Structures are given as structure tokens and as C-alpha cells.
Amino acid sequence: MAQLDPRSDEALVEAANRGDEGAFEALYRRHRDWVVRLAFRFTGSEADALDVLQDTFAYLLRKFPGLRLTSRLTTFLYPVVKHLAIRAARKRRQHASGDQALSEAQAPDAPSQPREELAAVLRVLPEAQREVLLMRFVDDMGLRQIAEALDVPLGTVKSRLHNALKALRKDERTRAYFLE
């Protein structure tokens, strides 16, 4: 297994700007799993998530030379991955047969494990709240990074996160996860 490049993302971007192909490969290796997880959250399809991975890094490659990284790379890539994933999911739904779409829509929602139960509760949250919650606690992004990635004011991020946590605290299925 190849060892990860110890240079920061900023140093790797600078090296890639100078034509260092190894630097771009290091960025890919460092962030590919994150891109696939994020894309899967939006698409629900492993195949689509892998397509989004390819499209995301093709987009990033086209930015060289000349890319100036003014924030974390994940902050820069988040809206790209989100857009590509939503487009892929929409395309897949358009091509799904009517029967397949109907059977997916009628699938019973009976969570049997805590993780599935939590996922069911998260689905009830408004999309904007769920997105901020996942970015904060799954992607480990700071509030300012989330605001930058979503292109919304910091106060909006704080409000969405507060409301999402408030809703989770009220729900009997997730109340046990919070300290009283």
C-alpha cells in the first residue's frame, strides 16, 4: 500500500500547478473516499457515486494550472460533488422504469438497527438542515467552511444546525443519543 503524501493540500495544489502529476495523484488518494461517501449520500447508488468521483477529479484536473486554493480542498469540492451527484441521481431516476420507481417508492420503512433508525429520522429533517448536520458531524467541516461551501451566511448555517439538533433531541428515536 502506498504511503500518503505528507504535504498539505495547499502544497500539493502548488506542486500540481507546476505540473507535478504525483501531487494531483496524492490529492486524489487523499480525498477520493470522502468524495464517494458524499456522492453516495446524494445519489444512494454506488455506481453513480463512482461516476461522480471520476467527474469530480476530471473537473479538478481541468483547474490546473492556475488553481488557487483559498479554503480547504473539501470546501472547494463540496458544491462540485453535490451538483454532480444530484445531476447523476436525477438522470438515473429519469431512466428508471415506471415499475422500478413504483417499487422503490413503496418499499417499507421499518428500521431494525439504530443506524437505520437514525437514517430514518434524518430523512424527516428538511434537506437544508440535514445537509448542514451531515457536513458538520459526518464530514467534520467547521461552520465557516460549511457556509463557504454552501454559499450562505454563517448565521444561516448556525440556525439550520440548531434547528436540526433541536428536532433530533425531540424525536423519541434519537433522544437517547443526547445528554440531558
Protein backbone atom coordinates (compact mmCIF):
# COMPACT_ATOMS: atom_id res chain seq x y z
CA MET A 1 0.00 0.00 0.00
CA ALA A 2 1.40 3.37 -1.00
CA GLN A 3 2.11 5.82 1.80
CA LEU A 4 0.11 9.05 1.75
CA ASP A 5 1.96 12.19 0.75
CA PRO A 6 2.74 14.21 3.90
CA ARG A 7 2.40 17.59 2.14
CA SER A 8 -0.62 19.76 2.87
CA ASP A 9 -3.37 20.17 0.29
CA GLU A 10 -2.10 23.69 -0.34
CA ALA A 11 1.42 22.40 -1.05
CA LEU A 12 0.05 19.67 -3.31
CA VAL A 13 -2.05 22.19 -5.25
CA GLU A 14 1.02 24.40 -5.71
CA ALA A 15 3.02 21.39 -6.93
CA ALA A 16 0.21 20.34 -9.28
CA ASN A 17 0.13 23.88 -10.65
CA ARG A 18 3.80 23.41 -11.54
CA GLY A 19 2.97 20.19 -13.42
CA ASP A 20 3.74 17.59 -10.70
CA GLU A 21 1.41 14.71 -11.63
CA GLY A 22 2.27 12.93 -8.39
CA ALA A 23 0.81 15.85 -6.45
CA PHE A 24 -2.53 15.53 -8.22
CA GLU A 25 -2.50 11.78 -7.60
CA ALA A 26 -1.83 12.44 -3.90
CA LEU A 27 -4.84 14.79 -3.77
CA TYR A 28 -6.93 12.10 -5.44
CA ARG A 29 -5.82 9.39 -2.99
CA ARG A 30 -6.38 11.67 0.00
CA HIS A 31 -9.90 12.78 -0.95
CA ARG A 32 -11.40 10.01 -3.10
CA ASP A 33 -13.12 8.16 -0.25
CA TRP A 34 -14.67 11.39 1.02
CA VAL A 35 -15.95 12.23 -2.47
CA VAL A 36 -17.50 8.76 -2.88
CA ARG A 37 -19.19 8.90 0.57
CA LEU A 38 -20.57 12.36 -0.13
CA ALA A 39 -21.76 11.43 -3.61
CA PHE A 40 -23.40 8.28 -2.25
CA ARG A 41 -25.31 10.38 0.29
CA PHE A 42 -26.85 12.34 -2.57
CA THR A 43 -27.33 9.51 -5.08
CA GLY A 44 -27.94 6.40 -2.99
CA SER A 45 -26.13 4.47 -5.71
CA GLU A 46 -22.60 3.13 -5.55
CA ALA A 47 -22.28 3.19 -9.35
CA ASP A 48 -23.41 6.81 -9.52
CA ALA A 49 -21.08 7.73 -6.65
CA LEU A 50 -18.14 6.25 -8.54
CA ASP A 51 -19.14 8.17 -11.68
CA VAL A 52 -19.29 11.35 -9.59
CA LEU A 53 -15.80 10.57 -8.23
CA GLN A 54 -14.46 10.40 -11.78
CA ASP A 55 -16.27 13.56 -12.87
CA THR A 56 -15.16 15.47 -9.76
CA PHE A 57 -11.49 14.78 -10.28
CA ALA A 58 -11.77 15.43 -14.02
CA TYR A 59 -13.21 18.84 -13.08
CA LEU A 60 -10.40 19.42 -10.58
CA LEU A 61 -7.76 18.43 -13.14
CA ARG A 62 -9.14 21.00 -15.59
CA LYS A 63 -8.50 23.69 -12.96
CA PHE A 64 -4.72 23.13 -13.26
CA PRO A 65 -2.54 25.01 -13.79
CA GLY A 66 -3.85 28.10 -12.09
CA LEU A 67 -5.95 26.76 -9.22
CA ARG A 68 -5.72 28.99 -6.17
CA LEU A 69 -6.86 27.24 -3.03
CA THR A 70 -8.37 29.84 -0.68
CA SER A 71 -10.02 27.30 1.63
CA ARG A 72 -9.77 23.59 2.39
CA LEU A 73 -9.99 21.39 -0.69
CA THR A 74 -13.11 19.70 0.69
CA THR A 75 -14.77 23.12 0.96
CA PHE A 76 -13.89 23.77 -2.69
CA LEU A 77 -15.05 20.32 -3.83
CA TYR A 78 -18.28 20.06 -1.81
CA PRO A 79 -20.50 22.07 -4.19
CA VAL A 80 -18.95 20.30 -7.19
CA VAL A 81 -19.67 16.84 -5.76
CA LYS A 82 -23.17 17.88 -4.68
CA HIS A 83 -24.04 19.26 -8.11
CA LEU A 84 -22.66 16.26 -9.99
CA ALA A 85 -24.34 13.80 -7.61
CA ILE A 86 -27.73 15.47 -7.83
CA ARG A 87 -27.43 15.52 -11.62
CA ALA A 88 -26.48 11.80 -11.65
CA ALA A 89 -29.37 10.86 -9.36
CA ARG A 90 -31.82 12.88 -11.45
CA LYS A 91 -30.55 11.22 -14.62
CA ARG A 92 -30.88 7.76 -13.06
CA ARG A 93 -34.47 8.49 -11.94
CA GLN A 94 -35.39 9.67 -15.42
CA HIS A 95 -34.15 6.42 -16.89
CA ALA A 96 -35.75 4.17 -14.27
CA SER A 97 -38.73 2.20 -15.46
CA GLY A 98 -42.12 3.09 -14.03
CA ASP A 99 -42.42 -0.26 -12.23
CA GLN A 100 -38.98 0.06 -10.68
CA ALA A 101 -39.71 3.59 -9.47
CA LEU A 102 -43.05 2.45 -8.04
CA SER A 103 -41.49 -0.47 -6.15
CA GLU A 104 -38.79 1.80 -4.72
CA ALA A 105 -41.41 4.32 -3.63
CA GLN A 106 -43.44 1.62 -1.87
CA ALA A 107 -40.51 -0.01 -0.06
CA PRO A 108 -41.40 -0.40 3.62
CA ASP A 109 -39.55 1.86 6.01
CA ALA A 110 -39.08 -0.37 9.05
CA PRO A 111 -35.71 0.35 10.62
CA SER A 112 -34.31 -2.60 12.54
CA GLN A 113 -30.98 -1.22 13.71
CA PRO A 114 -30.02 2.05 15.42
CA ARG A 115 -28.14 3.23 12.32
CA GLU A 116 -31.17 2.67 10.11
CA GLU A 117 -33.36 4.32 12.74
CA LEU A 118 -31.11 7.38 12.75
CA ALA A 119 -31.18 7.46 8.95
CA ALA A 120 -34.99 7.38 9.06
CA VAL A 121 -35.04 10.33 11.46
CA LEU A 122 -32.57 12.26 9.32
CA ARG A 123 -34.81 11.78 6.29
CA VAL A 124 -37.57 13.64 8.15
CA LEU A 125 -35.41 16.75 8.57
CA PRO A 126 -35.69 19.43 5.90
CA GLU A 127 -32.96 18.94 3.29
CA ALA A 128 -31.09 22.13 4.23
CA GLN A 129 -30.92 21.12 7.91
CA ARG A 130 -29.90 17.55 7.12
CA GLU A 131 -27.18 18.74 4.77
CA VAL A 132 -25.64 21.09 7.36
CA LEU A 133 -25.87 18.42 10.08
CA LEU A 134 -24.09 15.85 7.91
CA MET A 135 -21.44 18.31 6.77
CA ARG A 136 -20.71 19.20 10.39
CA PHE A 137 -20.72 15.76 12.02
CA VAL A 138 -20.01 13.32 9.19
CA ASP A 139 -17.68 15.42 7.03
CA ASP A 140 -16.20 17.18 10.09
CA MET A 141 -16.41 20.58 8.45
CA GLY A 142 -16.33 23.76 10.51
CA LEU A 143 -19.25 26.17 10.45
CA ARG A 144 -17.37 28.73 8.34
CA GLN A 145 -16.36 26.02 5.87
CA ILE A 146 -19.97 24.90 5.58
CA ALA A 147 -21.09 28.48 4.99
CA GLU A 148 -18.46 28.89 2.28
CA ALA A 149 -19.23 25.54 0.62
CA LEU A 150 -22.97 26.25 0.54
CA ASP A 151 -22.51 29.95 -0.24
CA VAL A 152 -24.80 31.01 2.61
CA PRO A 153 -24.22 33.32 5.58
CA LEU A 154 -22.66 31.85 8.73
CA GLY A 155 -25.81 32.71 10.69
CA THR A 156 -27.87 30.59 8.30
CA VAL A 157 -25.59 27.60 8.92
CA LYS A 158 -25.85 28.09 12.69
CA SER A 159 -29.63 28.36 12.51
CA ARG A 160 -30.00 25.24 10.34
CA LEU A 161 -27.71 23.23 12.62
CA HIS A 162 -29.51 24.45 15.75
CA ASN A 163 -32.92 23.56 14.31
CA ALA A 164 -31.72 20.13 13.15
CA LEU A 165 -30.29 19.29 16.57
CA LYS A 166 -33.44 20.58 18.26
CA ALA A 167 -35.56 18.29 16.07
CA LEU A 168 -33.32 15.30 16.80
CA ARG A 169 -33.50 15.97 20.56
CA LYS A 170 -37.31 15.98 20.39
CA ASP A 171 -37.62 12.76 18.39
CA GLU A 172 -38.07 9.75 20.67
CA ARG A 173 -35.95 7.59 18.37
CA THR A 174 -32.86 9.81 18.85
CA ARG A 175 -33.44 11.37 22.26
CA ALA A 176 -31.24 8.70 23.91
CA TYR A 177 -28.23 9.91 21.90
CA PHE A 178 -28.30 13.29 23.66
CA LEU A 179 -27.20 14.00 27.20
CA GLU A 180 -29.91 15.63 29.26
